[in-house]
Amino acid sequence: MTRLLAGCVLLTSIAAQGAEGIPEYHDPLADLTIDTEGSNYQFERSSLEALKVHDPIEGFNRRVYRFNGQFDDYVYLPVVNAYETVTPRFVRRGVSNVFANLADVPNLANSLAQGKFQKGGRTTARLLFNSTLGVLGLFDVAKAMGLPQESEDFGQTLGFYGVPTGPYLVLPLLGPSTLRDATGKAVDWSIEDAAAFLDNRHYMNDNPWAYGLYAINLRYINGFRYGSLDSPFEYDQIRYLYIKLRELQIQQ
C-alpha cells in the first residue's frame, strides 16, 4: 500500500513538472470556416479535372442535352407513364421482347465480325428459339433456357478494330454518343432492316404506329432520369461515364 501511494505521488510530481514545458493544445481546424452550401460545389468542380473528354462542340452538346431533358419531362415521360398505366405488364414485356429479338440480328452480325464465335453461336440460338417457339420474339424463351441477350453493336465493332471514338456527341432524343457510335447506330439499323425473315420493317411501314411504339419502348426500358444525379455537373459526369462504359464494353 505504501509503495502504491509513493508511486502515485511520484507520477503526480512528474506530470506537474512536465506540464510547464508542453504547449497548450490547439485544434488546427478550430479557426477554419467552412461554407456548407458551397463546399460540395467546390469539391465537385475540382474533381471534374479528372473527367476530361474530347468534346469540341460542348456548347452545342449541352444545348441538346438540355433540350433532351425538357422533352423528357414534358413529352416523353408523360407518354411513357400513360403507356404504363393503360397496358398490363405482360403486354409491355411482350413488346420489349419483340424489339429485343429484332436487336439480336445486329448483335449476331457484330459478334461474328469481331470473331466472337461462341457469343455468335449463343445469339444464333436465341434468334432461332425466340423467333419460332417465342412467336417472333413475343416470348423470351431463350432466356429461360439459359441464353440471356448479349449486346454487340457496330460501334463496338469499330472500336474492336481500333477506330477512335471521335468527338463526343449528344444526339437529339437518343442522348450520349460519339461520332463512332452514331455511325454504328446507323449501320445497326440497316442490319435490322436486312432481317427479311422477321418481316419487321415491312410490317412497321404498313403500320406507322409501330414506330411510335418502338420509341415508347426505347424510353420505357431505359431507367435513366435527367436530374437524377442531383449535381450541377451532371452533363460532365454522364459524358465521362458513357465513355468509360463504352471502353469496358469494347474490352469484353
Protein backbone atom coordinates (compact mmCIF):
# COMPACT_ATOMS: atom_id res chain seq x y z
CA MET A 1 0.00 0.00 0.00
CA THR A 2 2.87 2.30 0.92
CA ARG A 3 4.56 1.58 -2.42
CA LEU A 4 1.32 2.35 -4.33
CA LEU A 5 0.94 5.73 -2.61
CA ALA A 6 4.58 6.55 -3.27
CA GLY A 7 4.14 5.72 -6.96
CA CYS A 8 1.09 7.97 -7.26
CA VAL A 9 2.91 10.85 -5.63
CA LEU A 10 5.88 10.37 -7.95
CA LEU A 11 3.71 10.34 -11.10
CA THR A 12 1.82 13.44 -9.96
CA SER A 13 5.09 15.26 -9.37
CA ILE A 14 6.47 14.33 -12.79
CA ALA A 15 3.26 15.39 -14.54
CA ALA A 16 3.24 18.76 -12.78
CA GLN A 17 6.85 19.46 -13.70
CA GLY A 18 6.42 18.34 -17.34
CA ALA A 19 3.24 20.30 -17.95
CA GLU A 20 5.14 23.58 -17.86
CA GLY A 21 7.16 22.59 -20.94
CA ILE A 22 4.23 21.26 -23.03
CA PRO A 23 2.48 23.86 -25.24
CA GLU A 24 -1.27 24.13 -24.89
CA TYR A 25 -3.12 22.00 -27.47
CA HIS A 26 -4.94 23.95 -30.16
CA ASP A 27 -7.21 22.30 -32.70
CA PRO A 28 -5.86 23.37 -36.14
CA LEU A 29 -9.38 23.10 -37.61
CA ALA A 30 -11.00 25.31 -34.99
CA ASP A 31 -10.40 28.52 -36.94
CA LEU A 32 -11.33 27.00 -40.31
CA THR A 33 -14.51 28.48 -41.74
CA ILE A 34 -16.46 26.10 -43.97
CA ASP A 35 -19.14 27.24 -46.34
CA THR A 36 -21.54 24.32 -46.04
CA GLU A 37 -23.57 25.45 -49.04
CA GLY A 38 -20.65 25.86 -51.38
CA SER A 39 -18.29 23.13 -50.15
CA ASN A 40 -19.88 20.38 -52.23
CA TYR A 41 -19.84 22.63 -55.28
CA GLN A 42 -16.13 23.40 -54.86
CA PHE A 43 -15.29 19.75 -54.28
CA GLU A 44 -17.21 18.59 -57.35
CA ARG A 45 -15.79 21.34 -59.51
CA SER A 46 -12.20 20.44 -58.62
CA SER A 47 -12.87 16.75 -59.22
CA LEU A 48 -14.05 17.46 -62.78
CA GLU A 49 -10.45 17.84 -63.92
CA ALA A 50 -10.31 14.03 -63.91
CA LEU A 51 -13.40 13.80 -66.13
CA LYS A 52 -11.99 15.40 -69.26
CA VAL A 53 -13.38 14.02 -72.52
CA HIS A 54 -12.79 15.13 -76.11
CA ASP A 55 -15.81 17.37 -76.59
CA PRO A 56 -15.01 20.09 -79.17
CA ILE A 57 -18.66 21.08 -79.65
CA GLU A 58 -19.51 21.12 -75.96
CA GLY A 59 -21.69 24.22 -76.19
CA PHE A 60 -23.92 22.62 -78.82
CA ASN A 61 -23.96 19.30 -76.95
CA ARG A 62 -25.04 21.00 -73.73
CA ARG A 63 -27.92 22.70 -75.50
CA VAL A 64 -29.06 19.37 -76.96
CA TYR A 65 -28.69 17.75 -73.52
CA ARG A 66 -30.88 20.47 -72.02
CA PHE A 67 -33.43 20.04 -74.80
CA ASN A 68 -33.49 16.28 -74.22
CA GLY A 69 -34.14 16.83 -70.53
CA GLN A 70 -37.02 19.22 -71.18
CA PHE A 71 -38.50 16.97 -73.86
CA ASP A 72 -38.22 14.08 -71.43
CA ASP A 73 -40.05 15.95 -68.67
CA TYR A 74 -42.85 17.44 -70.75
CA VAL A 75 -43.41 14.93 -73.56
CA TYR A 76 -41.54 11.64 -73.45
CA LEU A 77 -42.04 10.57 -69.83
CA PRO A 78 -45.73 11.58 -69.69
CA VAL A 79 -46.34 9.40 -72.76
CA VAL A 80 -44.35 6.53 -71.21
CA ASN A 81 -46.25 6.91 -67.93
CA ALA A 82 -49.55 6.77 -69.83
CA TYR A 83 -48.31 3.68 -71.65
CA GLU A 84 -47.56 2.01 -68.31
CA THR A 85 -50.99 3.00 -66.99
CA VAL A 86 -53.10 1.65 -69.85
CA THR A 87 -51.19 -1.54 -70.67
CA PRO A 88 -50.72 -4.61 -68.47
CA ARG A 89 -47.18 -5.58 -67.53
CA PHE A 90 -47.26 -8.76 -69.64
CA VAL A 91 -48.15 -6.70 -72.73
CA ARG A 92 -45.26 -4.31 -72.12
CA ARG A 93 -42.93 -7.25 -71.58
CA GLY A 94 -44.06 -8.81 -74.85
CA VAL A 95 -43.48 -5.56 -76.76
CA SER A 96 -39.99 -5.24 -75.26
CA ASN A 97 -39.25 -8.86 -76.15
CA VAL A 98 -40.23 -8.36 -79.79
CA PHE A 99 -37.89 -5.39 -80.21
CA ALA A 100 -35.14 -7.17 -78.26
CA ASN A 101 -35.44 -10.11 -80.64
CA LEU A 102 -35.04 -7.74 -83.55
CA ALA A 103 -31.92 -6.26 -81.89
CA ASP A 104 -30.35 -9.72 -81.78
CA VAL A 105 -29.85 -9.52 -85.56
CA PRO A 106 -27.13 -6.81 -85.34
CA ASN A 107 -25.92 -8.45 -82.11
CA LEU A 108 -25.22 -11.60 -84.12
CA ALA A 109 -23.62 -9.76 -87.04
CA ASN A 110 -21.30 -7.77 -84.78
CA SER A 111 -20.34 -10.79 -82.68
CA LEU A 112 -19.23 -12.60 -85.82
CA ALA A 113 -17.49 -9.51 -87.20
CA GLN A 114 -15.37 -9.35 -84.03
CA GLY A 115 -14.54 -13.05 -84.14
CA LYS A 116 -16.59 -13.79 -81.02
CA PHE A 117 -17.93 -17.03 -82.42
CA GLN A 118 -19.12 -18.56 -79.16
CA LYS A 119 -21.16 -15.46 -78.42
CA GLY A 120 -22.37 -15.51 -82.01
CA GLY A 121 -23.48 -19.12 -81.59
CA ARG A 122 -25.45 -18.29 -78.46
CA THR A 123 -27.09 -15.31 -80.17
CA THR A 124 -27.97 -17.50 -83.16
CA ALA A 125 -29.66 -19.94 -80.81
CA ARG A 126 -31.55 -17.06 -79.18
CA LEU A 127 -32.84 -15.89 -82.54
CA LEU A 128 -33.94 -19.36 -83.56
CA PHE A 129 -35.71 -20.18 -80.31
CA ASN A 130 -37.35 -16.79 -79.81
CA SER A 131 -38.39 -16.36 -83.45
CA THR A 132 -40.07 -19.78 -83.52
CA LEU A 133 -41.01 -21.05 -80.07
CA GLY A 134 -41.26 -17.48 -78.83
CA VAL A 135 -43.66 -16.40 -81.61
CA LEU A 136 -41.42 -13.86 -83.39
CA GLY A 137 -39.89 -12.81 -80.11
CA LEU A 138 -43.07 -12.18 -78.18
CA PHE A 139 -41.76 -14.54 -75.50
CA ASP A 140 -38.11 -14.71 -74.47
CA VAL A 141 -37.93 -18.48 -74.21
CA ALA A 142 -34.17 -18.42 -74.82
CA LYS A 143 -33.54 -16.55 -71.59
CA ALA A 144 -35.45 -19.21 -69.69
CA MET A 145 -33.15 -21.75 -71.36
CA GLY A 146 -30.04 -20.00 -70.05
CA LEU A 147 -29.36 -17.81 -73.08
CA PRO A 148 -29.58 -14.15 -71.99
CA GLN A 149 -29.18 -11.40 -74.55
CA GLU A 150 -25.56 -10.39 -75.24
CA SER A 151 -25.35 -6.98 -76.88
CA GLU A 152 -22.78 -6.17 -79.55
CA ASP A 153 -23.19 -3.11 -81.75
CA PHE A 154 -21.28 -1.77 -84.74
CA GLY A 155 -19.78 1.00 -82.62
CA GLN A 156 -18.13 -1.74 -80.54
CA THR A 157 -17.00 -3.49 -83.72
CA LEU A 158 -15.32 -0.31 -84.95
CA GLY A 159 -13.67 0.14 -81.55
CA PHE A 160 -12.56 -3.50 -81.56
CA TYR A 161 -10.59 -2.80 -84.75
CA GLY A 162 -9.03 0.35 -83.37
CA VAL A 163 -11.25 3.06 -84.85
CA PRO A 164 -11.04 6.05 -82.47
CA THR A 165 -14.15 7.32 -80.73
CA GLY A 166 -14.07 10.71 -82.38
CA PRO A 167 -15.69 13.70 -80.71
CA TYR A 168 -18.36 13.27 -78.07
CA LEU A 169 -21.91 13.90 -79.27
CA VAL A 170 -25.30 14.29 -77.64
CA LEU A 171 -27.93 13.10 -80.10
CA PRO A 172 -31.42 14.64 -80.02
CA LEU A 173 -33.71 12.32 -78.03
CA LEU A 174 -31.17 9.47 -78.13
CA GLY A 175 -28.68 11.03 -75.72
CA PRO A 176 -24.93 10.40 -75.23
CA SER A 177 -22.90 9.08 -78.14
CA THR A 178 -19.72 9.68 -80.13
CA LEU A 179 -19.07 10.09 -83.83
CA ARG A 180 -18.06 6.43 -83.97
CA ASP A 181 -21.11 5.21 -82.05
CA ALA A 182 -23.53 7.40 -84.00
CA THR A 183 -22.19 5.84 -87.20
CA GLY A 184 -22.58 2.45 -85.58
CA LYS A 185 -26.24 3.10 -84.78
CA ALA A 186 -26.99 3.85 -88.42
CA VAL A 187 -25.30 0.62 -89.52
CA ASP A 188 -27.13 -1.44 -86.89
CA TRP A 189 -30.48 -0.06 -88.01
CA SER A 190 -29.58 -1.03 -91.59
CA ILE A 191 -28.74 -4.54 -90.42
CA GLU A 192 -32.14 -4.77 -88.70
CA ASP A 193 -33.76 -3.75 -91.99
CA ALA A 194 -31.95 -6.62 -93.70
CA ALA A 195 -33.58 -9.18 -91.41
CA ALA A 196 -36.21 -10.01 -94.01
CA PHE A 197 -37.11 -13.30 -92.33
CA LEU A 198 -38.68 -11.36 -89.46
CA ASP A 199 -40.65 -9.16 -91.88
CA ASN A 200 -40.40 -6.42 -89.29
CA ARG A 201 -39.72 -3.34 -91.38
CA HIS A 202 -42.40 -4.20 -93.91
CA TYR A 203 -44.91 -4.51 -91.08
CA MET A 204 -43.78 -1.24 -89.47
CA ASN A 205 -44.01 0.60 -92.77
CA ASP A 206 -47.58 -0.61 -93.19
CA ASN A 207 -48.39 0.33 -89.59
CA PRO A 208 -46.68 3.63 -88.74
CA TRP A 209 -47.94 3.43 -85.15
CA ALA A 210 -45.39 0.66 -84.64
CA TYR A 211 -42.61 3.26 -84.92
CA GLY A 212 -44.26 5.19 -82.11
CA LEU A 213 -44.45 2.03 -80.03
CA TYR A 214 -40.77 1.41 -80.75
CA ALA A 215 -39.88 4.91 -79.49
CA ILE A 216 -42.02 4.49 -76.36
CA ASN A 217 -40.46 1.13 -75.57
CA LEU A 218 -36.99 2.58 -76.09
CA ARG A 219 -37.62 5.04 -73.26
CA TYR A 220 -39.62 2.60 -71.17
CA ILE A 221 -36.71 0.17 -70.83
CA ASN A 222 -34.24 2.97 -70.01
CA GLY A 223 -34.25 3.75 -66.30
CA PHE A 224 -32.16 6.93 -66.54
CA ARG A 225 -33.85 10.16 -65.49
CA TYR A 226 -32.44 13.61 -66.17
CA GLY A 227 -31.52 15.35 -62.94
CA SER A 228 -31.31 12.08 -61.02
CA LEU A 229 -27.65 12.67 -60.13
CA ASP A 230 -28.65 15.84 -58.25
CA SER A 231 -25.48 17.60 -59.38
CA PRO A 232 -24.81 20.83 -61.30
CA PHE A 233 -22.22 18.84 -63.24
CA GLU A 234 -24.49 16.05 -64.42
CA TYR A 235 -23.53 16.66 -68.05
CA ASP A 236 -19.83 16.16 -67.27
CA GLN A 237 -20.47 13.06 -65.19
CA ILE A 238 -22.75 11.40 -67.74
CA ARG A 239 -20.28 12.17 -70.52
CA TYR A 240 -17.41 10.57 -68.59
CA LEU A 241 -19.44 7.52 -67.52
CA TYR A 242 -20.64 6.93 -71.08
CA ILE A 243 -17.10 6.98 -72.49
CA LYS A 244 -15.81 4.64 -69.77
CA LEU A 245 -18.74 2.27 -70.24
CA ARG A 246 -18.04 2.03 -73.95
CA GLU A 247 -14.36 1.34 -73.28
CA LEU A 248 -15.29 -1.53 -70.98
CA GLN A 249 -17.80 -2.96 -73.47
CA ILE A 250 -15.18 -2.96 -76.24
CA GLN A 251 -12.64 -4.70 -73.98
CA GLN A 252 -15.01 -7.56 -73.16
